[in-house]
Each structure stands twice: as C-alpha cells, then as structure tokens.
Amino acid sequence: MIRNFLVATNFLLLFSCQNNNVSVVAEPTTKNIEKTVPQKTIKSEKPHDNKPEDTKVYNASEVEALPKFPGGIEKLHVFLKKNYVIPEELTEDEASRGGVFVNIKIEKDGSLSEIKILRDIGYGSGEELERVLKLSPNWIPALKDGNPVRCLYSIPYYVQ
C-alpha cells in the first residue's frame, strides 16, 4: 500500500514538473497600496536554433538563385547606360573604348559592398562605373536553401 502511494506521488511530481508556464505573483510591498498587481504568466520560450549566422560569401555557382537587379538584367543595362558618364578622354579617342569588369558583393539585404574593379580601359572608366554602381538600388539577394546569402557577382560593362 505504501509502495502504491509512493508510485502515485512520484507520478504526480513528475507530471507537475512538466508545466511550461511559470506563475509570478507580485506582492504589495506596503499595506498602504490598495490595488494588487494581477497575476502574470510567463511562458518559457523554445530555445533558439543554435545555428551561427551565415556570413560566408558564396560564388554564383554555389547558390540556388542568383542575385538580381530589380527588373532584371535589361533594367541593369538601362540603369548603367543612363547614369554612366563616359570620360572626356574616351570620347575623343574612340579606339581606346572597351570593357570595364567589376566584382561586387551583394549582401543579404540586397545592398552592394566591396565594389572591386578587375579591369578597366583607363581614363577613370573604372571609377565611373564604381560611382554608378553605388547609386544603384538594392538588389534581390542570392538564395541558398531558401535563405538570402551574401554573394559575389561579376559585371562587365562595355563603354560605347
């Protein structure tokens, strides 16, 4: 009989400890306070995933969806053509026209960072493309496993 009582008591304690709600009752500190604070319930939250934030910069071949300029690549070319000012030296010397190549890092929020000129044709053509890219609106970031990630992206621009 005592054994059954102890088993029942253990089960009761076991299941009473499974409660996720913790009650907190505020007691009045002095007798002059007429109102009492109502009982508050604090719920224990799920522990957050302990995954570290993904700060890796992915190459275009490592992501599921490439970053995109709002409106697509055609809108990017329109934006660049509209805002790129050809340096005077290049307008005078048409033989020196060619391509300017840059690498950009597109952040998780779509902003551009670390604009790096890989090759330009001189006369400030690379700096001008960097200036124009800094004016661009936020891009749609690359996706990996359905989440936005940082990504490197290369842009060729041909000065005409």
C-alpha atoms as a PDB file:
ATOM      1  CA  MET A   1       0.000   0.000   0.000  1.00  0.00           C
ATOM      2  CA  ILE A   2       2.801   2.391   0.871  1.00  0.00           C
ATOM      3  CA  ARG A   3       4.514   1.383  -2.351  1.00  0.00           C
ATOM      4  CA  ASN A   4       1.411   2.330  -4.407  1.00  0.00           C
ATOM      5  CA  PHE A   5       1.236   5.653  -2.552  1.00  0.00           C
ATOM      6  CA  LEU A   6       4.884   6.430  -3.320  1.00  0.00           C
ATOM      7  CA  VAL A   7       4.480   5.498  -7.015  1.00  0.00           C
ATOM      8  CA  ALA A   8       1.394   7.709  -7.298  1.00  0.00           C
ATOM      9  CA  THR A   9       3.221  10.573  -5.568  1.00  0.00           C
ATOM     10  CA  ASN A  10       6.205  10.233  -7.919  1.00  0.00           C
ATOM     11  CA  PHE A  11       3.949  10.343 -10.988  1.00  0.00           C
ATOM     12  CA  LEU A  12       2.181  13.378  -9.588  1.00  0.00           C
ATOM     13  CA  LEU A  13       5.503  15.178  -9.057  1.00  0.00           C
ATOM     14  CA  LEU A  14       6.793  14.106 -12.437  1.00  0.00           C
ATOM     15  CA  PHE A  15       3.793  15.450 -14.331  1.00  0.00           C
ATOM     16  CA  SER A  16       3.571  18.615 -12.264  1.00  0.00           C
ATOM     17  CA  CYS A  17       7.155  19.467 -13.256  1.00  0.00           C
ATOM     18  CA  GLN A  18       6.210  19.298 -16.946  1.00  0.00           C
ATOM     19  CA  ASN A  19       4.320  22.612 -16.804  1.00  0.00           C
ATOM     20  CA  ASN A  20       5.816  25.195 -19.206  1.00  0.00           C
ATOM     21  CA  ASN A  21       4.019  28.133 -17.620  1.00  0.00           C
ATOM     22  CA  VAL A  22       5.573  29.766 -14.592  1.00  0.00           C
ATOM     23  CA  SER A  23       3.325  31.935 -12.464  1.00  0.00           C
ATOM     24  CA  VAL A  24       4.636  35.086 -10.904  1.00  0.00           C
ATOM     25  CA  VAL A  25       2.530  36.918  -8.333  1.00  0.00           C
ATOM     26  CA  ALA A  26       3.547  40.396  -7.309  1.00  0.00           C
ATOM     27  CA  GLU A  27       3.077  41.041  -3.594  1.00  0.00           C
ATOM     28  CA  PRO A  28       2.365  44.566  -2.406  1.00  0.00           C
ATOM     29  CA  THR A  29       5.367  45.979  -0.584  1.00  0.00           C
ATOM     30  CA  THR A  30       3.415  48.136   1.860  1.00  0.00           C
ATOM     31  CA  LYS A  31      -0.023  47.972   3.410  1.00  0.00           C
ATOM     32  CA  ASN A  32      -0.892  51.433   2.006  1.00  0.00           C
ATOM     33  CA  ILE A  33      -1.297  50.025  -1.517  1.00  0.00           C
ATOM     34  CA  GLU A  34      -4.928  49.203  -2.111  1.00  0.00           C
ATOM     35  CA  LYS A  35      -4.607  47.567  -5.526  1.00  0.00           C
ATOM     36  CA  THR A  36      -2.720  44.376  -6.084  1.00  0.00           C
ATOM     37  CA  VAL A  37      -0.927  43.551  -9.287  1.00  0.00           C
ATOM     38  CA  PRO A  38      -2.783  40.871 -11.247  1.00  0.00           C
ATOM     39  CA  GLN A  39      -1.113  37.529 -11.667  1.00  0.00           C
ATOM     40  CA  LYS A  40       1.150  37.341 -14.716  1.00  0.00           C
ATOM     41  CA  THR A  41       2.051  34.198 -16.575  1.00  0.00           C
ATOM     42  CA  ILE A  42       5.489  33.863 -18.110  1.00  0.00           C
ATOM     43  CA  LYS A  43       5.774  31.242 -20.808  1.00  0.00           C
ATOM     44  CA  SER A  44       9.051  29.551 -21.351  1.00  0.00           C
ATOM     45  CA  GLU A  45      10.064  30.028 -24.976  1.00  0.00           C
ATOM     46  CA  LYS A  46      11.520  27.475 -27.286  1.00  0.00           C
ATOM     47  CA  PRO A  47      15.255  27.714 -27.309  1.00  0.00           C
ATOM     48  CA  HIS A  48      16.510  29.403 -30.454  1.00  0.00           C
ATOM     49  CA  ASP A  49      18.314  27.379 -33.043  1.00  0.00           C
ATOM     50  CA  ASN A  50      21.970  27.451 -32.217  1.00  0.00           C
ATOM     51  CA  LYS A  51      22.920  27.850 -35.869  1.00  0.00           C
ATOM     52  CA  PRO A  52      25.538  30.530 -36.317  1.00  0.00           C
ATOM     53  CA  GLU A  53      24.592  33.348 -38.656  1.00  0.00           C
ATOM     54  CA  ASP A  54      25.765  32.589 -42.180  1.00  0.00           C
ATOM     55  CA  THR A  55      28.334  35.266 -43.037  1.00  0.00           C
ATOM     56  CA  LYS A  56      30.073  33.292 -45.776  1.00  0.00           C
ATOM     57  CA  VAL A  57      30.301  34.944 -49.181  1.00  0.00           C
ATOM     58  CA  TYR A  58      29.193  32.488 -51.867  1.00  0.00           C
ATOM     59  CA  ASN A  59      30.205  32.338 -55.517  1.00  0.00           C
ATOM     60  CA  ALA A  60      27.478  32.435 -58.139  1.00  0.00           C
ATOM     61  CA  SER A  61      27.911  28.692 -58.736  1.00  0.00           C
ATOM     62  CA  GLU A  62      27.219  27.857 -55.063  1.00  0.00           C
ATOM     63  CA  VAL A  63      23.778  29.462 -54.752  1.00  0.00           C
ATOM     64  CA  GLU A  64      20.353  28.238 -55.839  1.00  0.00           C
ATOM     65  CA  ALA A  65      19.141  31.590 -57.154  1.00  0.00           C
ATOM     66  CA  LEU A  66      21.474  34.305 -58.429  1.00  0.00           C
ATOM     67  CA  PRO A  67      21.157  37.862 -57.181  1.00  0.00           C
ATOM     68  CA  LYS A  68      19.058  40.052 -59.464  1.00  0.00           C
ATOM     69  CA  PHE A  69      18.845  43.731 -60.223  1.00  0.00           C
ATOM     70  CA  PRO A  70      15.243  44.883 -59.657  1.00  0.00           C
ATOM     71  CA  GLY A  71      13.581  44.412 -63.035  1.00  0.00           C
ATOM     72  CA  GLY A  72      16.212  42.053 -64.412  1.00  0.00           C
ATOM     73  CA  ILE A  73      19.455  42.329 -66.347  1.00  0.00           C
ATOM     74  CA  GLU A  74      17.891  44.525 -69.052  1.00  0.00           C
ATOM     75  CA  LYS A  75      16.962  47.124 -66.428  1.00  0.00           C
ATOM     76  CA  LEU A  76      20.531  46.975 -65.109  1.00  0.00           C
ATOM     77  CA  HIS A  77      21.891  47.785 -68.571  1.00  0.00           C
ATOM     78  CA  VAL A  78      19.383  50.634 -68.917  1.00  0.00           C
ATOM     79  CA  PHE A  79      20.377  51.953 -65.470  1.00  0.00           C
ATOM     80  CA  LEU A  80      24.107  51.794 -66.291  1.00  0.00           C
ATOM     81  CA  LYS A  81      23.679  53.405 -69.718  1.00  0.00           C
ATOM     82  CA  LYS A  82      21.546  56.198 -68.248  1.00  0.00           C
ATOM     83  CA  ASN A  83      23.911  57.037 -65.370  1.00  0.00           C
ATOM     84  CA  TYR A  84      27.369  56.216 -66.755  1.00  0.00           C
ATOM     85  CA  VAL A  85      29.162  59.336 -67.951  1.00  0.00           C
ATOM     86  CA  ILE A  86      31.858  58.485 -70.486  1.00  0.00           C
ATOM     87  CA  PRO A  87      35.117  60.219 -69.516  1.00  0.00           C
ATOM     88  CA  GLU A  88      36.124  63.005 -71.916  1.00  0.00           C
ATOM     89  CA  GLU A  89      39.366  61.294 -72.898  1.00  0.00           C
ATOM     90  CA  LEU A  90      37.394  58.289 -74.131  1.00  0.00           C
ATOM     91  CA  THR A  91      35.004  60.402 -76.181  1.00  0.00           C
ATOM     92  CA  GLU A  92      37.979  61.889 -78.030  1.00  0.00           C
ATOM     93  CA  ASP A  93      39.787  58.569 -78.573  1.00  0.00           C
ATOM     94  CA  GLU A  94      37.274  56.022 -79.866  1.00  0.00           C
ATOM     95  CA  ALA A  95      39.990  53.397 -80.410  1.00  0.00           C
ATOM     96  CA  SER A  96      40.506  53.055 -76.646  1.00  0.00           C
ATOM     97  CA  ARG A  97      36.910  52.020 -75.906  1.00  0.00           C
ATOM     98  CA  GLY A  98      36.312  48.598 -74.442  1.00  0.00           C
ATOM     99  CA  GLY A  99      35.096  46.747 -71.401  1.00  0.00           C
ATOM    100  CA  VAL A 100      35.175  47.541 -67.711  1.00  0.00           C
ATOM    101  CA  PHE A 101      34.875  44.494 -65.452  1.00  0.00           C
ATOM    102  CA  VAL A 102      33.916  44.653 -61.778  1.00  0.00           C
ATOM    103  CA  ASN A 103      33.219  42.213 -58.963  1.00  0.00           C
ATOM    104  CA  ILE A 104      30.622  43.243 -56.432  1.00  0.00           C
ATOM    105  CA  LYS A 105      29.458  41.681 -53.215  1.00  0.00           C
ATOM    106  CA  ILE A 106      25.690  41.654 -52.788  1.00  0.00           C
ATOM    107  CA  GLU A 107      24.723  41.492 -49.126  1.00  0.00           C
ATOM    108  CA  LYS A 108      21.746  39.657 -47.600  1.00  0.00           C
ATOM    109  CA  ASP A 109      19.675  42.858 -47.644  1.00  0.00           C
ATOM    110  CA  GLY A 110      20.471  43.469 -51.326  1.00  0.00           C
ATOM    111  CA  SER A 111      22.916  46.314 -50.783  1.00  0.00           C
ATOM    112  CA  LEU A 112      26.205  46.382 -52.686  1.00  0.00           C
ATOM    113  CA  SER A 113      29.556  46.313 -50.949  1.00  0.00           C
ATOM    114  CA  GLU A 114      33.171  45.841 -51.884  1.00  0.00           C
ATOM    115  CA  ILE A 115      32.989  47.005 -55.481  1.00  0.00           C
ATOM    116  CA  LYS A 116      36.278  45.874 -56.989  1.00  0.00           C
ATOM    117  CA  ILE A 117      37.490  46.946 -60.439  1.00  0.00           C
ATOM    118  CA  LEU A 118      39.045  43.928 -62.140  1.00  0.00           C
ATOM    119  CA  ARG A 119      39.918  45.578 -65.427  1.00  0.00           C
ATOM    120  CA  ASP A 120      39.224  48.940 -66.975  1.00  0.00           C
ATOM    121  CA  ILE A 121      40.332  50.881 -70.033  1.00  0.00           C
ATOM    122  CA  GLY A 122      41.840  53.775 -68.164  1.00  0.00           C
ATOM    123  CA  TYR A 123      40.884  57.455 -68.086  1.00  0.00           C
ATOM    124  CA  GLY A 124      38.776  56.902 -64.959  1.00  0.00           C
ATOM    125  CA  SER A 125      36.380  54.451 -66.614  1.00  0.00           C
ATOM    126  CA  GLY A 126      36.518  52.023 -63.673  1.00  0.00           C
ATOM    127  CA  GLU A 127      35.951  54.730 -61.074  1.00  0.00           C
ATOM    128  CA  GLU A 128      32.945  55.986 -63.034  1.00  0.00           C
ATOM    129  CA  LEU A 129      31.381  52.520 -63.104  1.00  0.00           C
ATOM    130  CA  GLU A 130      32.019  52.205 -59.357  1.00  0.00           C
ATOM    131  CA  ARG A 131      30.271  55.558 -58.802  1.00  0.00           C
ATOM    132  CA  VAL A 132      27.255  54.449 -60.831  1.00  0.00           C
ATOM    133  CA  LEU A 133      27.010  51.082 -59.039  1.00  0.00           C
ATOM    134  CA  LYS A 134      26.950  52.884 -55.688  1.00  0.00           C
ATOM    135  CA  LEU A 135      23.857  54.736 -56.959  1.00  0.00           C
ATOM    136  CA  SER A 136      22.028  51.516 -57.802  1.00  0.00           C
ATOM    137  CA  PRO A 137      19.010  50.434 -55.766  1.00  0.00           C
ATOM    138  CA  ASN A 138      19.171  47.361 -53.558  1.00  0.00           C
ATOM    139  CA  TRP A 139      19.275  44.109 -55.468  1.00  0.00           C
ATOM    140  CA  ILE A 140      17.293  40.966 -54.829  1.00  0.00           C
ATOM    141  CA  PRO A 141      19.847  38.862 -52.899  1.00  0.00           C
ATOM    142  CA  ALA A 142      21.041  35.379 -53.821  1.00  0.00           C
ATOM    143  CA  LEU A 143      19.294  32.424 -52.182  1.00  0.00           C
ATOM    144  CA  LYS A 144      20.748  29.260 -50.719  1.00  0.00           C
ATOM    145  CA  ASP A 145      18.440  26.755 -49.008  1.00  0.00           C
ATOM    146  CA  GLY A 146      15.662  29.326 -49.347  1.00  0.00           C
ATOM    147  CA  ASN A 147      17.533  31.961 -47.302  1.00  0.00           C
ATOM    148  CA  PRO A 148      19.220  35.148 -48.552  1.00  0.00           C
ATOM    149  CA  VAL A 149      23.022  34.925 -48.556  1.00  0.00           C
ATOM    150  CA  ARG A 150      25.966  37.147 -49.428  1.00  0.00           C
ATOM    151  CA  CYS A 151      27.193  36.552 -52.973  1.00  0.00           C
ATOM    152  CA  LEU A 152      29.936  37.663 -55.347  1.00  0.00           C
ATOM    153  CA  TYR A 153      28.740  38.824 -58.744  1.00  0.00           C
ATOM    154  CA  SER A 154      30.697  39.960 -61.803  1.00  0.00           C
ATOM    155  CA  ILE A 155      29.508  42.695 -64.113  1.00  0.00           C
ATOM    156  CA  PRO A 156      31.045  43.505 -67.489  1.00  0.00           C
ATOM    157  CA  TYR A 157      30.243  46.949 -68.899  1.00  0.00           C
ATOM    158  CA  TYR A 158      31.291  47.924 -72.387  1.00  0.00           C
ATOM    159  CA  VAL A 159      31.858  51.621 -72.975  1.00  0.00           C
ATOM    160  CA  GLN A 160      30.398  52.604 -76.348  1.00  0.00           C
END
